[in-house]
Amino acid sequence: MVTQQNPRRETAFGAIADPTRRAILDILRTEELRAGELARRFPVSRPAIAKHVGVLKRAGLIKERRDAQARVLSLAPDGLAEIDRWLSPYRVFWAARLTDLKRVVENDLAVRPKGDDA
């Protein structure tokens, strides 16, 4: 049986599962934007982008502030900590594999006679 601790809170993993939401995060990584400006960058309706923004906000990946009448959106990098913690063991795994590969290639080059391209 699957249970949810807080059904209103989106997980970071669920939020980044959608390519449009990943694109929103990519944009907000470089600049903060008014909600309307963000919506204009996508070939879907403003309500569709608003739904994506809502998912990202509930997951803690973006934040919103008011600027007069406008809603200004920006990246909330702390929300990515959950994903970063999950990726950490994989970084160690790949670093070890790349070190092993480097060792094999260097040993192969050291053993191969000069001028042998095979």
PDB file of N, CA and C in Angstrom:
ATOM      1  N   MET A   1       0.836  -1.177   0.000  1.00  0.00           N
ATOM      2  CA  MET A   1       0.000   0.000   0.000  1.00  0.00           C
ATOM      3  C   MET A   1       0.885   1.247   0.000  1.00  0.00           C
ATOM      4  N   VAL A   2       0.548   2.209  -0.842  1.00  0.00           N
ATOM      5  CA  VAL A   2       1.305   3.448  -0.934  1.00  0.00           C
ATOM      6  C   VAL A   2       0.576   4.510  -0.132  1.00  0.00           C
ATOM      7  N   THR A   3       1.324   5.180   0.723  1.00  0.00           N
ATOM      8  CA  THR A   3       0.737   6.274   1.501  1.00  0.00           C
ATOM      9  C   THR A   3       1.517   7.542   1.217  1.00  0.00           C
ATOM     10  N   GLN A   4       0.845   8.651   1.345  1.00  0.00           N
ATOM     11  CA  GLN A   4       1.497   9.940   1.173  1.00  0.00           C
ATOM     12  C   GLN A   4       1.527  10.634   2.512  1.00  0.00           C
ATOM     13  N   GLN A   5       2.688  11.200   2.855  1.00  0.00           N
ATOM     14  CA  GLN A   5       2.791  11.919   4.109  1.00  0.00           C
ATOM     15  C   GLN A   5       2.026  13.230   4.047  1.00  0.00           C
ATOM     16  N   ASN A   6       2.173  13.936   2.964  1.00  0.00           N
ATOM     17  CA  ASN A   6       1.490  15.208   2.789  1.00  0.00           C
ATOM     18  C   ASN A   6       1.031  15.289   1.341  1.00  0.00           C
ATOM     19  N   PRO A   7      -0.215  14.947   1.062  1.00  0.00           N
ATOM     20  CA  PRO A   7      -0.668  14.909  -0.324  1.00  0.00           C
ATOM     21  C   PRO A   7      -0.628  16.261  -1.035  1.00  0.00           C
ATOM     22  N   ARG A   8      -0.585  17.376  -0.313  1.00  0.00           N
ATOM     23  CA  ARG A   8      -0.549  18.699  -0.943  1.00  0.00           C
ATOM     24  C   ARG A   8       0.864  19.074  -1.371  1.00  0.00           C
ATOM     25  N   ARG A   9       1.857  18.459  -0.768  1.00  0.00           N
ATOM     26  CA  ARG A   9       3.251  18.795  -1.088  1.00  0.00           C
ATOM     27  C   ARG A   9       3.768  17.903  -2.199  1.00  0.00           C
ATOM     28  N   GLU A  10       4.228  18.530  -3.264  1.00  0.00           N
ATOM     29  CA  GLU A  10       4.824  17.793  -4.371  1.00  0.00           C
ATOM     30  C   GLU A  10       6.263  17.449  -3.993  1.00  0.00           C
ATOM     31  N   THR A  11       6.770  16.350  -4.495  1.00  0.00           N
ATOM     32  CA  THR A  11       8.181  16.055  -4.293  1.00  0.00           C
ATOM     33  C   THR A  11       8.983  16.698  -5.407  1.00  0.00           C
ATOM     34  N   ALA A  12      10.235  16.952  -5.124  1.00  0.00           N
ATOM     35  CA  ALA A  12      11.113  17.515  -6.151  1.00  0.00           C
ATOM     36  C   ALA A  12      11.220  16.554  -7.329  1.00  0.00           C
ATOM     37  N   PHE A  13      11.267  15.248  -7.037  1.00  0.00           N
ATOM     38  CA  PHE A  13      11.371  14.259  -8.111  1.00  0.00           C
ATOM     39  C   PHE A  13      10.149  14.295  -9.020  1.00  0.00           C
ATOM     40  N   GLY A  14       8.979  14.365  -8.433  1.00  0.00           N
ATOM     41  CA  GLY A  14       7.765  14.440  -9.237  1.00  0.00           C
ATOM     42  C   GLY A  14       7.716  15.717 -10.054  1.00  0.00           C
ATOM     43  N   ALA A  15       8.184  16.800  -9.450  1.00  0.00           N
ATOM     44  CA  ALA A  15       8.158  18.087 -10.141  1.00  0.00           C
ATOM     45  C   ALA A  15       9.077  18.101 -11.356  1.00  0.00           C
ATOM     46  N   ILE A  16      10.253  17.519 -11.236  1.00  0.00           N
ATOM     47  CA  ILE A  16      11.192  17.572 -12.369  1.00  0.00           C
ATOM     48  C   ILE A  16      10.953  16.462 -13.376  1.00  0.00           C
ATOM     49  N   ALA A  17       9.966  15.621 -13.127  1.00  0.00           N
ATOM     50  CA  ALA A  17       9.667  14.539 -14.076  1.00  0.00           C
ATOM     51  C   ALA A  17       9.132  15.071 -15.403  1.00  0.00           C
ATOM     52  N   ASP A  18       8.590  16.255 -15.399  1.00  0.00           N
ATOM     53  CA  ASP A  18       7.988  16.820 -16.608  1.00  0.00           C
ATOM     54  C   ASP A  18       8.986  17.724 -17.331  1.00  0.00           C
ATOM     55  N   PRO A  19       9.145  17.563 -18.647  1.00  0.00           N
ATOM     56  CA  PRO A  19      10.127  18.373 -19.388  1.00  0.00           C
ATOM     57  C   PRO A  19       9.813  19.871 -19.377  1.00  0.00           C
ATOM     58  N   THR A  20       8.549  20.243 -19.348  1.00  0.00           N
ATOM     59  CA  THR A  20       8.211  21.674 -19.305  1.00  0.00           C
ATOM     60  C   THR A  20       8.661  22.268 -17.977  1.00  0.00           C
ATOM     61  N   ARG A  21       8.465  21.535 -16.885  1.00  0.00           N
ATOM     62  CA  ARG A  21       8.897  22.050 -15.583  1.00  0.00           C
ATOM     63  C   ARG A  21      10.422  22.129 -15.499  1.00  0.00           C
ATOM     64  N   ARG A  22      11.105  21.174 -16.109  1.00  0.00           N
ATOM     65  CA  ARG A  22      12.579  21.263 -16.145  1.00  0.00           C
ATOM     66  C   ARG A  22      13.010  22.491 -16.952  1.00  0.00           C
ATOM     67  N   ALA A  23      12.314  22.773 -18.033  1.00  0.00           N
ATOM     68  CA  ALA A  23      12.631  23.956 -18.848  1.00  0.00           C
ATOM     69  C   ALA A  23      12.388  25.238 -18.052  1.00  0.00           C
ATOM     70  N   ILE A  24      11.318  25.267 -17.265  1.00  0.00           N
ATOM     71  CA  ILE A  24      11.047  26.433 -16.413  1.00  0.00           C
ATOM     72  C   ILE A  24      12.194  26.629 -15.427  1.00  0.00           C
ATOM     73  N   LEU A  25      12.641  25.545 -14.809  1.00  0.00           N
ATOM     74  CA  LEU A  25      13.766  25.644 -13.866  1.00  0.00           C
ATOM     75  C   LEU A  25      15.031  26.131 -14.564  1.00  0.00           C
ATOM     76  N   ASP A  26      15.275  25.647 -15.779  1.00  0.00           N
ATOM     77  CA  ASP A  26      16.448  26.089 -16.534  1.00  0.00           C
ATOM     78  C   ASP A  26      16.408  27.589 -16.793  1.00  0.00           C
ATOM     79  N   ILE A  27      15.245  28.093 -17.139  1.00  0.00           N
ATOM     80  CA  ILE A  27      15.097  29.534 -17.391  1.00  0.00           C
ATOM     81  C   ILE A  27      15.312  30.319 -16.106  1.00  0.00           C
ATOM     82  N   LEU A  28      14.672  29.880 -15.029  1.00  0.00           N
ATOM     83  CA  LEU A  28      14.764  30.618 -13.766  1.00  0.00           C
ATOM     84  C   LEU A  28      16.136  30.482 -13.111  1.00  0.00           C
ATOM     85  N   ARG A  29      16.918  29.537 -13.572  1.00  0.00           N
ATOM     86  CA  ARG A  29      18.292  29.393 -13.062  1.00  0.00           C
ATOM     87  C   ARG A  29      19.131  30.607 -13.461  1.00  0.00           C
ATOM     88  N   THR A  30      18.814  31.212 -14.600  1.00  0.00           N
ATOM     89  CA  THR A  30      19.618  32.314 -15.100  1.00  0.00           C
ATOM     90  C   THR A  30      19.003  33.695 -14.845  1.00  0.00           C
ATOM     91  N   GLU A  31      17.700  33.733 -14.599  1.00  0.00           N
ATOM     92  CA  GLU A  31      17.047  35.029 -14.371  1.00  0.00           C
ATOM     93  C   GLU A  31      15.707  34.827 -13.682  1.00  0.00           C
ATOM     94  N   GLU A  32      15.286  35.844 -12.929  1.00  0.00           N
ATOM     95  CA  GLU A  32      13.935  35.798 -12.399  1.00  0.00           C
ATOM     96  C   GLU A  32      13.028  36.513 -13.383  1.00  0.00           C
ATOM     97  N   LEU A  33      11.793  36.043 -13.466  1.00  0.00           N
ATOM     98  CA  LEU A  33      10.859  36.573 -14.461  1.00  0.00           C
ATOM     99  C   LEU A  33       9.482  36.779 -13.868  1.00  0.00           C
ATOM    100  N   ARG A  34       8.774  37.704 -14.446  1.00  0.00           N
ATOM    101  CA  ARG A  34       7.348  37.837 -14.131  1.00  0.00           C
ATOM    102  C   ARG A  34       6.637  36.629 -14.726  1.00  0.00           C
ATOM    103  N   ALA A  35       5.569  36.214 -14.085  1.00  0.00           N
ATOM    104  CA  ALA A  35       4.851  35.010 -14.514  1.00  0.00           C
ATOM    105  C   ALA A  35       4.428  35.104 -15.976  1.00  0.00           C
ATOM    106  N   GLY A  36       3.935  36.254 -16.410  1.00  0.00           N
ATOM    107  CA  GLY A  36       3.508  36.426 -17.796  1.00  0.00           C
ATOM    108  C   GLY A  36       4.661  36.297 -18.784  1.00  0.00           C
ATOM    109  N   GLU A  37       5.825  36.853 -18.405  1.00  0.00           N
ATOM    110  CA  GLU A  37       6.999  36.743 -19.280  1.00  0.00           C
ATOM    111  C   GLU A  37       7.434  35.289 -19.418  1.00  0.00           C
ATOM    112  N   LEU A  38       7.367  34.559 -18.321  1.00  0.00           N
ATOM    113  CA  LEU A  38       7.719  33.145 -18.361  1.00  0.00           C
ATOM    114  C   LEU A  38       6.750  32.386 -19.260  1.00  0.00           C
ATOM    115  N   ALA A  39       5.475  32.635 -19.106  1.00  0.00           N
ATOM    116  CA  ALA A  39       4.453  31.930 -19.889  1.00  0.00           C
ATOM    117  C   ALA A  39       4.623  32.174 -21.381  1.00  0.00           C
ATOM    118  N   ARG A  40       5.026  33.382 -21.759  1.00  0.00           N
ATOM    119  CA  ARG A  40       5.201  33.701 -23.189  1.00  0.00           C
ATOM    120  C   ARG A  40       6.326  32.897 -23.834  1.00  0.00           C
ATOM    121  N   ARG A  41       7.200  32.321 -23.071  1.00  0.00           N
ATOM    122  CA  ARG A  41       8.322  31.549 -23.630  1.00  0.00           C
ATOM    123  C   ARG A  41       7.930  30.123 -24.009  1.00  0.00           C
ATOM    124  N   PHE A  42       6.685  29.748 -23.748  1.00  0.00           N
ATOM    125  CA  PHE A  42       6.253  28.380 -24.011  1.00  0.00           C
ATOM    126  C   PHE A  42       5.070  28.370 -24.971  1.00  0.00           C
ATOM    127  N   PRO A  43       4.998  27.331 -25.805  1.00  0.00           N
ATOM    128  CA  PRO A  43       3.923  27.245 -26.797  1.00  0.00           C
ATOM    129  C   PRO A  43       2.643  26.613 -26.249  1.00  0.00           C
ATOM    130  N   VAL A  44       2.406  26.792 -24.965  1.00  0.00           N
ATOM    131  CA  VAL A  44       1.185  26.270 -24.343  1.00  0.00           C
ATOM    132  C   VAL A  44       0.472  27.427 -23.662  1.00  0.00           C
ATOM    133  N   SER A  45      -0.727  27.177 -23.200  1.00  0.00           N
ATOM    134  CA  SER A  45      -1.531  28.251 -22.612  1.00  0.00           C
ATOM    135  C   SER A  45      -0.945  28.746 -21.287  1.00  0.00           C
ATOM    136  N   ARG A  46      -1.307  29.960 -20.943  1.00  0.00           N
ATOM    137  CA  ARG A  46      -0.882  30.525 -19.655  1.00  0.00           C
ATOM    138  C   ARG A  46      -1.399  29.694 -18.491  1.00  0.00           C
ATOM    139  N   PRO A  47      -2.651  29.211 -18.530  1.00  0.00           N
ATOM    140  CA  PRO A  47      -3.111  28.364 -17.423  1.00  0.00           C
ATOM    141  C   PRO A  47      -2.285  27.083 -17.283  1.00  0.00           C
ATOM    142  N   ALA A  48      -1.836  26.532 -18.399  1.00  0.00           N
ATOM    143  CA  ALA A  48      -0.999  25.326 -18.329  1.00  0.00           C
ATOM    144  C   ALA A  48       0.324  25.641 -17.639  1.00  0.00           C
ATOM    145  N   ILE A  49       0.925  26.763 -17.981  1.00  0.00           N
ATOM    146  CA  ILE A  49       2.184  27.159 -17.326  1.00  0.00           C
ATOM    147  C   ILE A  49       1.928  27.467 -15.859  1.00  0.00           C
ATOM    148  N   ALA A  50       0.798  28.077 -15.554  1.00  0.00           N
ATOM    149  CA  ALA A  50       0.465  28.364 -14.153  1.00  0.00           C
ATOM    150  C   ALA A  50       0.374  27.073 -13.338  1.00  0.00           C
ATOM    151  N   LYS A  51      -0.171  26.025 -13.935  1.00  0.00           N
ATOM    152  CA  LYS A  51      -0.237  24.736 -13.237  1.00  0.00           C
ATOM    153  C   LYS A  51       1.160  24.180 -12.999  1.00  0.00           C
ATOM    154  N   HIS A  52       2.026  24.269 -14.000  1.00  0.00           N
ATOM    155  CA  HIS A  52       3.400  23.808 -13.832  1.00  0.00           C
ATOM    156  C   HIS A  52       4.109  24.610 -12.734  1.00  0.00           C
ATOM    157  N   VAL A  53       3.900  25.914 -12.734  1.00  0.00           N
ATOM    158  CA  VAL A  53       4.501  26.774 -11.711  1.00  0.00           C
ATOM    159  C   VAL A  53       3.990  26.366 -10.328  1.00  0.00           C
ATOM    160  N   GLY A  54       2.712  26.058 -10.225  1.00  0.00           N
ATOM    161  CA  GLY A  54       2.152  25.623  -8.947  1.00  0.00           C
ATOM    162  C   GLY A  54       2.812  24.351  -8.427  1.00  0.00           C
ATOM    163  N   VAL A  55       3.036  23.402  -9.319  1.00  0.00           N
ATOM    164  CA  VAL A  55       3.713  22.154  -8.927  1.00  0.00           C
ATOM    165  C   VAL A  55       5.126  22.465  -8.430  1.00  0.00           C
ATOM    166  N   LEU A  56       5.840  23.315  -9.158  1.00  0.00           N
ATOM    167  CA  LEU A  56       7.208  23.661  -8.777  1.00  0.00           C
ATOM    168  C   LEU A  56       7.243  24.418  -7.448  1.00  0.00           C
ATOM    169  N   LYS A  57       6.267  25.276  -7.213  1.00  0.00           N
ATOM    170  CA  LYS A  57       6.203  25.997  -5.936  1.00  0.00           C
ATOM    171  C   LYS A  57       5.916  25.042  -4.786  1.00  0.00           C
ATOM    172  N   ARG A  58       4.957  24.141  -4.969  1.00  0.00           N
ATOM    173  CA  ARG A  58       4.626  23.182  -3.896  1.00  0.00           C
ATOM    174  C   ARG A  58       5.803  22.258  -3.597  1.00  0.00           C
ATOM    175  N   ALA A  59       6.640  22.013  -4.592  1.00  0.00           N
ATOM    176  CA  ALA A  59       7.822  21.172  -4.385  1.00  0.00           C
ATOM    177  C   ALA A  59       8.979  21.960  -3.770  1.00  0.00           C
ATOM    178  N   GLY A  60       8.805  23.266  -3.638  1.00  0.00           N
ATOM    179  CA  GLY A  60       9.852  24.100  -3.054  1.00  0.00           C
ATOM    180  C   GLY A  60      10.990  24.416  -4.004  1.00  0.00           C
ATOM    181  N   LEU A  61      10.730  24.295  -5.313  1.00  0.00           N
ATOM    182  CA  LEU A  61      11.786  24.519  -6.301  1.00  0.00           C
ATOM    183  C   LEU A  61      11.810  25.941  -6.849  1.00  0.00           C
ATOM    184  N   ILE A  62      10.693  26.629  -6.751  1.00  0.00           N
ATOM    185  CA  ILE A  62      10.681  28.040  -7.144  1.00  0.00           C
ATOM    186  C   ILE A  62       9.941  28.832  -6.072  1.00  0.00           C
ATOM    187  N   LYS A  63      10.242  30.118  -6.040  1.00  0.00           N
ATOM    188  CA  LYS A  63       9.552  31.007  -5.103  1.00  0.00           C
ATOM    189  C   LYS A  63       8.957  32.172  -5.881  1.00  0.00           C
ATOM    190  N   GLU A  64       7.999  32.795  -5.251  1.00  0.00           N
ATOM    191  CA  GLU A  64       7.263  33.880  -5.890  1.00  0.00           C
ATOM    192  C   GLU A  64       7.247  35.076  -4.958  1.00  0.00           C
ATOM    193  N   ARG A  65       7.437  36.251  -5.531  1.00  0.00           N
ATOM    194  CA  ARG A  65       7.284  37.491  -4.761  1.00  0.00           C
ATOM    195  C   ARG A  65       6.420  38.446  -5.567  1.00  0.00           C
ATOM    196  N   ARG A  66       5.788  39.342  -4.872  1.00  0.00           N
ATOM    197  CA  ARG A  66       4.945  40.333  -5.528  1.00  0.00           C
ATOM    198  C   ARG A  66       5.753  41.585  -5.823  1.00  0.00           C
ATOM    199  N   ASP A  67       5.541  42.111  -7.024  1.00  0.00           N
ATOM    200  CA  ASP A  67       6.130  43.381  -7.433  1.00  0.00           C
ATOM    201  C   ASP A  67       4.989  44.181  -8.030  1.00  0.00           C
ATOM    202  N   ALA A  68       4.393  45.023  -7.210  1.00  0.00           N
ATOM    203  CA  ALA A  68       3.168  45.743  -7.584  1.00  0.00           C
ATOM    204  C   ALA A  68       2.093  44.722  -7.951  1.00  0.00           C
ATOM    205  N   GLN A  69       1.625  44.740  -9.179  1.00  0.00           N
ATOM    206  CA  GLN A  69       0.586  43.810  -9.616  1.00  0.00           C
ATOM    207  C   GLN A  69       1.144  42.474 -10.097  1.00  0.00           C
ATOM    208  N   ALA A  70       2.446  42.418 -10.325  1.00  0.00           N
ATOM    209  CA  ALA A  70       3.052  41.235 -10.955  1.00  0.00           C
ATOM    210  C   ALA A  70       3.548  40.216  -9.926  1.00  0.00           C
ATOM    211  N   ARG A  71       3.553  38.969 -10.363  1.00  0.00           N
ATOM    212  CA  ARG A  71       4.179  37.888  -9.592  1.00  0.00           C
ATOM    213  C   ARG A  71       5.523  37.613 -10.239  1.00  0.00           C
ATOM    214  N   VAL A  72       6.592  37.731  -9.462  1.00  0.00           N
ATOM    215  CA  VAL A  72       7.946  37.506  -9.979  1.00  0.00           C
ATOM    216  C   VAL A  72       8.421  36.155  -9.462  1.00  0.00           C
ATOM    217  N   LEU A  73       8.871  35.316 -10.384  1.00  0.00           N
ATOM    218  CA  LEU A  73       9.279  33.955 -10.054  1.00  0.00           C
ATOM    219  C   LEU A  73      10.795  33.837 -10.104  1.00  0.00           C
ATOM    220  N   SER A  74      11.343  33.058  -9.185  1.00  0.00           N
ATOM    221  CA  SER A  74      12.782  32.802  -9.171  1.00  0.00           C
ATOM    222  C   SER A  74      13.042  31.386  -8.667  1.00  0.00           C
ATOM    223  N   LEU A  75      14.221  30.901  -8.961  1.00  0.00           N
ATOM    224  CA  LEU A  75      14.622  29.566  -8.540  1.00  0.00           C
ATOM    225  C   LEU A  75      14.836  29.545  -7.030  1.00  0.00           C
ATOM    226  N   ALA A  76      14.417  28.473  -6.395  1.00  0.00           N
ATOM    227  CA  ALA A  76      14.679  28.240  -4.973  1.00  0.00           C
ATOM    228  C   ALA A  76      15.626  27.043  -4.893  1.00  0.00           C
ATOM    229  N   PRO A  77      16.935  27.277  -4.996  1.00  0.00           N
ATOM    230  CA  PRO A  77      17.880  26.171  -5.114  1.00  0.00           C
ATOM    231  C   PRO A  77      17.862  25.199  -3.933  1.00  0.00           C
ATOM    232  N   ASP A  78      17.467  25.645  -2.765  1.00  0.00           N
ATOM    233  CA  ASP A  78      17.417  24.735  -1.614  1.00  0.00           C
ATOM    234  C   ASP A  78      16.447  23.584  -1.853  1.00  0.00           C
ATOM    235  N   GLY A  79      15.449  23.808  -2.695  1.00  0.00           N
ATOM    236  CA  GLY A  79      14.489  22.759  -3.008  1.00  0.00           C
ATOM    237  C   GLY A  79      15.106  21.593  -3.749  1.00  0.00           C
ATOM    238  N   LEU A  80      16.253  21.826  -4.366  1.00  0.00           N
ATOM    239  CA  LEU A  80      16.941  20.765  -5.103  1.00  0.00           C
ATOM    240  C   LEU A  80      17.794  19.881  -4.189  1.00  0.00           C
ATOM    241  N   ALA A  81      17.852  20.188  -2.903  1.00  0.00           N
ATOM    242  CA  ALA A  81      18.685  19.427  -1.972  1.00  0.00           C
ATOM    243  C   ALA A  81      18.277  17.957  -1.924  1.00  0.00           C
ATOM    244  N   GLU A  82      16.988  17.675  -1.996  1.00  0.00           N
ATOM    245  CA  GLU A  82      16.502  16.291  -1.973  1.00  0.00           C
ATOM    246  C   GLU A  82      17.091  15.497  -3.141  1.00  0.00           C
ATOM    247  N   ILE A  83      17.103  16.107  -4.310  1.00  0.00           N
ATOM    248  CA  ILE A  83      17.647  15.446  -5.495  1.00  0.00           C
ATOM    249  C   ILE A  83      19.163  15.326  -5.373  1.00  0.00           C
ATOM    250  N   ASP A  84      19.807  16.363  -4.872  1.00  0.00           N
ATOM    251  CA  ASP A  84      21.250  16.336  -4.710  1.00  0.00           C
ATOM    252  C   ASP A  84      21.676  15.217  -3.748  1.00  0.00           C
ATOM    253  N   ARG A  85      20.935  15.058  -2.646  1.00  0.00           N
ATOM    254  CA  ARG A  85      21.253  13.979  -1.696  1.00  0.00           C
ATOM    255  C   ARG A  85      21.104  12.619  -2.367  1.00  0.00           C
ATOM    256  N   TRP A  86      20.087  12.455  -3.183  1.00  0.00           N
ATOM    257  CA  TRP A  86      19.865  11.179  -3.862  1.00  0.00           C
ATOM    258  C   TRP A  86      20.978  10.909  -4.880  1.00  0.00           C
ATOM    259  N   LEU A  87      21.433  11.953  -5.572  1.00  0.00           N
ATOM    260  CA  LEU A  87      22.471  11.793  -6.597  1.00  0.00           C
ATOM    261  C   LEU A  87      23.863  11.561  -6.017  1.00  0.00           C
ATOM    262  N   SER A  88      24.095  11.953  -4.796  1.00  0.00           N
ATOM    263  CA  SER A  88      25.420  11.892  -4.197  1.00  0.00           C
ATOM    264  C   SER A  88      26.102  10.525  -4.327  1.00  0.00           C
ATOM    265  N   PRO A  89      25.449   9.413  -3.978  1.00  0.00           N
ATOM    266  CA  PRO A  89      26.118   8.111  -4.127  1.00  0.00           C
ATOM    267  C   PRO A  89      26.441   7.772  -5.587  1.00  0.00           C
ATOM    268  N   TYR A  90      25.634   8.283  -6.501  1.00  0.00           N
ATOM    269  CA  TYR A  90      25.898   8.030  -7.919  1.00  0.00           C
ATOM    270  C   TYR A  90      27.118   8.806  -8.394  1.00  0.00           C
ATOM    271  N   ARG A  91      27.337   9.989  -7.858  1.00  0.00           N
ATOM    272  CA  ARG A  91      28.553  10.736  -8.195  1.00  0.00           C
ATOM    273  C   ARG A  91      29.785   9.957  -7.747  1.00  0.00           C
ATOM    274  N   VAL A  92      29.726   9.393  -6.545  1.00  0.00           N
ATOM    275  CA  VAL A  92      30.832   8.586  -6.035  1.00  0.00           C
ATOM    276  C   VAL A  92      31.038   7.369  -6.943  1.00  0.00           C
ATOM    277  N   PHE A  93      29.941   6.716  -7.305  1.00  0.00           N
ATOM    278  CA  PHE A  93      30.011   5.548  -8.179  1.00  0.00           C
ATOM    279  C   PHE A  93      30.703   5.896  -9.496  1.00  0.00           C
ATOM    280  N   TRP A  94      30.253   6.974 -10.158  1.00  0.00           N
ATOM    281  CA  TRP A  94      30.820   7.331 -11.456  1.00  0.00           C
ATOM    282  C   TRP A  94      32.249   7.828 -11.331  1.00  0.00           C
ATOM    283  N   ALA A  95      32.580   8.508 -10.262  1.00  0.00           N
ATOM    284  CA  ALA A  95      33.971   8.943 -10.070  1.00  0.00           C
ATOM    285  C   ALA A  95      34.884   7.728  -9.972  1.00  0.00           C
ATOM    286  N   ALA A  96      34.452   6.701  -9.245  1.00  0.00           N
ATOM    287  CA  ALA A  96      35.243   5.478  -9.118  1.00  0.00           C
ATOM    288  C   ALA A  96      35.371   4.776 -10.469  1.00  0.00           C
ATOM    289  N   ARG A  97      34.277   4.719 -11.233  1.00  0.00           N
ATOM    290  CA  ARG A  97      34.329   4.064 -12.545  1.00  0.00           C
ATOM    291  C   ARG A  97      35.262   4.814 -13.493  1.00  0.00           C
ATOM    292  N   LEU A  98      35.219   6.128 -13.451  1.00  0.00           N
ATOM    293  CA  LEU A  98      36.098   6.909 -14.329  1.00  0.00           C
ATOM    294  C   LEU A  98      37.559   6.755 -13.914  1.00  0.00           C
ATOM    295  N   THR A  99      37.814   6.660 -12.625  1.00  0.00           N
ATOM    296  CA  THR A  99      39.177   6.411 -12.156  1.00  0.00           C
ATOM    297  C   THR A  99      39.657   5.054 -12.649  1.00  0.00           C
ATOM    298  N   ASP A 100      38.789   4.030 -12.562  1.00  0.00           N
ATOM    299  CA  ASP A 100      39.138   2.696 -13.069  1.00  0.00           C
ATOM    300  C   ASP A 100      39.421   2.737 -14.572  1.00  0.00           C
ATOM    301  N   LEU A 101      38.587   3.438 -15.320  1.00  0.00           N
ATOM    302  CA  LEU A 101      38.770   3.546 -16.759  1.00  0.00           C
ATOM    303  C   LEU A 101      40.097   4.229 -17.089  1.00  0.00           C
ATOM    304  N   LYS A 102      40.395   5.292 -16.380  1.00  0.00           N
ATOM    305  CA  LYS A 102      41.656   6.006 -16.600  1.00  0.00           C
ATOM    306  C   LYS A 102      42.836   5.060 -16.363  1.00  0.00           C
ATOM    307  N   ARG A 103      42.776   4.280 -15.301  1.00  0.00           N
ATOM    308  CA  ARG A 103      43.847   3.341 -14.984  1.00  0.00           C
ATOM    309  C   ARG A 103      44.018   2.305 -16.105  1.00  0.00           C
ATOM    310  N   VAL A 104      42.910   1.776 -16.603  1.00  0.00           N
ATOM    311  CA  VAL A 104      42.968   0.780 -17.675  1.00  0.00           C
ATOM    312  C   VAL A 104      43.572   1.388 -18.940  1.00  0.00           C
ATOM    313  N   VAL A 105      43.128   2.564 -19.306  1.00  0.00           N
ATOM    314  CA  VAL A 105      43.632   3.217 -20.525  1.00  0.00           C
ATOM    315  C   VAL A 105      45.115   3.532 -20.379  1.00  0.00           C
ATOM    316  N   GLU A 106      45.524   4.058 -19.232  1.00  0.00           N
ATOM    317  CA  GLU A 106      46.934   4.382 -19.031  1.00  0.00           C
ATOM    318  C   GLU A 106      47.799   3.123 -19.054  1.00  0.00           C
ATOM    319  N   ASN A 107      47.310   2.029 -18.445  1.00  0.00           N
ATOM    320  CA  ASN A 107      48.060   0.768 -18.471  1.00  0.00           C
ATOM    321  C   ASN A 107      48.151   0.225 -19.894  1.00  0.00           C
ATOM    322  N   ASP A 108      47.069   0.330 -20.640  1.00  0.00           N
ATOM    323  CA  ASP A 108      47.056  -0.149 -22.023  1.00  0.00           C
ATOM    324  C   ASP A 108      48.054   0.637 -22.868  1.00  0.00           C
ATOM    325  N   LEU A 109      48.108   1.934 -22.678  1.00  0.00           N
ATOM    326  CA  LEU A 109      49.036   2.775 -23.434  1.00  0.00           C
ATOM    327  C   LEU A 109      50.484   2.479 -23.033  1.00  0.00           C
ATOM    328  N   ALA A 110      50.709   2.184 -21.760  1.00  0.00           N
ATOM    329  CA  ALA A 110      52.064   1.896 -21.285  1.00  0.00           C
ATOM    330  C   ALA A 110      52.561   0.557 -21.819  1.00  0.00           C
ATOM    331  N   VAL A 111      51.697  -0.404 -22.039  1.00  0.00           N
ATOM    332  CA  VAL A 111      52.070  -1.740 -22.486  1.00  0.00           C
ATOM    333  C   VAL A 111      52.201  -1.795 -24.002  1.00  0.00           C
ATOM    334  N   ARG A 112      51.437  -1.008 -24.724  1.00  0.00           N
ATOM    335  CA  ARG A 112      51.421  -1.045 -26.191  1.00  0.00           C
ATOM    336  C   ARG A 112      52.755  -0.524 -26.737  1.00  0.00           C
ATOM    337  N   PRO A 113      53.355  -1.248 -27.666  1.00  0.00           N
ATOM    338  CA  PRO A 113      54.604  -0.771 -28.282  1.00  0.00           C
ATOM    339  C   PRO A 113      54.348   0.499 -29.093  1.00  0.00           C
ATOM    340  N   LYS A 114      55.380   1.355 -29.168  1.00  0.00           N
ATOM    341  CA  LYS A 114      55.252   2.604 -29.945  1.00  0.00           C
ATOM    342  C   LYS A 114      54.968   2.286 -31.393  1.00  0.00           C
ATOM    343  N   GLY A 115      54.110   3.063 -31.980  1.00  0.00           N
ATOM    344  CA  GLY A 115      53.759   2.883 -33.382  1.00  0.00           C
ATOM    345  C   GLY A 115      52.700   1.832 -33.626  1.00  0.00           C
ATOM    346  N   ASP A 116      52.213   1.168 -32.576  1.00  0.00           N
ATOM    347  CA  ASP A 116      51.172   0.145 -32.707  1.00  0.00           C
ATOM    348  C   ASP A 116      49.813   0.816 -32.532  1.00  0.00           C
ATOM    349  N   ASP A 117      49.074   0.968 -33.625  1.00  0.00           N
ATOM    350  CA  ASP A 117      47.771   1.637 -33.580  1.00  0.00           C
ATOM    351  C   ASP A 117      46.637   0.664 -33.355  1.00  0.00           C
ATOM    352  N   ALA A 118      46.898  -0.604 -33.240  1.00  0.00           N
ATOM    353  CA  ALA A 118      45.839  -1.607 -33.092  1.00  0.00           C
ATOM    354  C   ALA A 118      45.336  -1.690 -31.685  1.00  0.00           C
TER     355      ALA A 118
END
